[in-house]
């Protein structure tokens, strides 16, 4: 698949085939992709915890909030929950800020996940204290994101923003619709 196809396929998936495992070796490949990304000042302050253990996954799940625009949905039901998680941390002993590293790294990690046949969702709405306790995270590490991963169980449809409506939504068949602004709308000037 070419790069734009990979980007189009890299959506925020929130429902998965929970019983289909994500092997540790694939999780490590995703983190390897993130590790190789550029880092501001090359200080590389990001660290990761990977988990594909069903019992621990259930505990991680309870610390997350899902899909703010879908106000009548509490997240994926049992059987549709992530098969794995990657927790992205900032090592405060290295830097007090991730600069832009965390976004670059997570996007790259998710692109690798799509290449491997998975999908994921970046979650920043996390009960930090509880998750730190569950995973025995030392105080020098700050949780930045939790990336939920698995084989996607939902269809995500990219469509155009109409009348300024940019909020994602689900139709009656549970297809997840994601409006995107047009290229003409986001390129302010073309100086050539």
Foldseek 3Di string as FASTA:
>chain_A
DDDVVLVVPADAFFWAQQVDADDPVLLVVLQVQLQPDDAVVNLPQKDKDKDQDPVLQVQQVVFFADAPVVVVDRTDDPSGFFRMKMWIKGQVVRPPDRVCSVVRSVVRSQSSLVVVQKYKHKTQRGPFVSNCVSVVPDPSIGTGTMIGMHHGPEAEAEAADDPNDQGWDADPVRHIYGHDHDPVVPPPDDDD
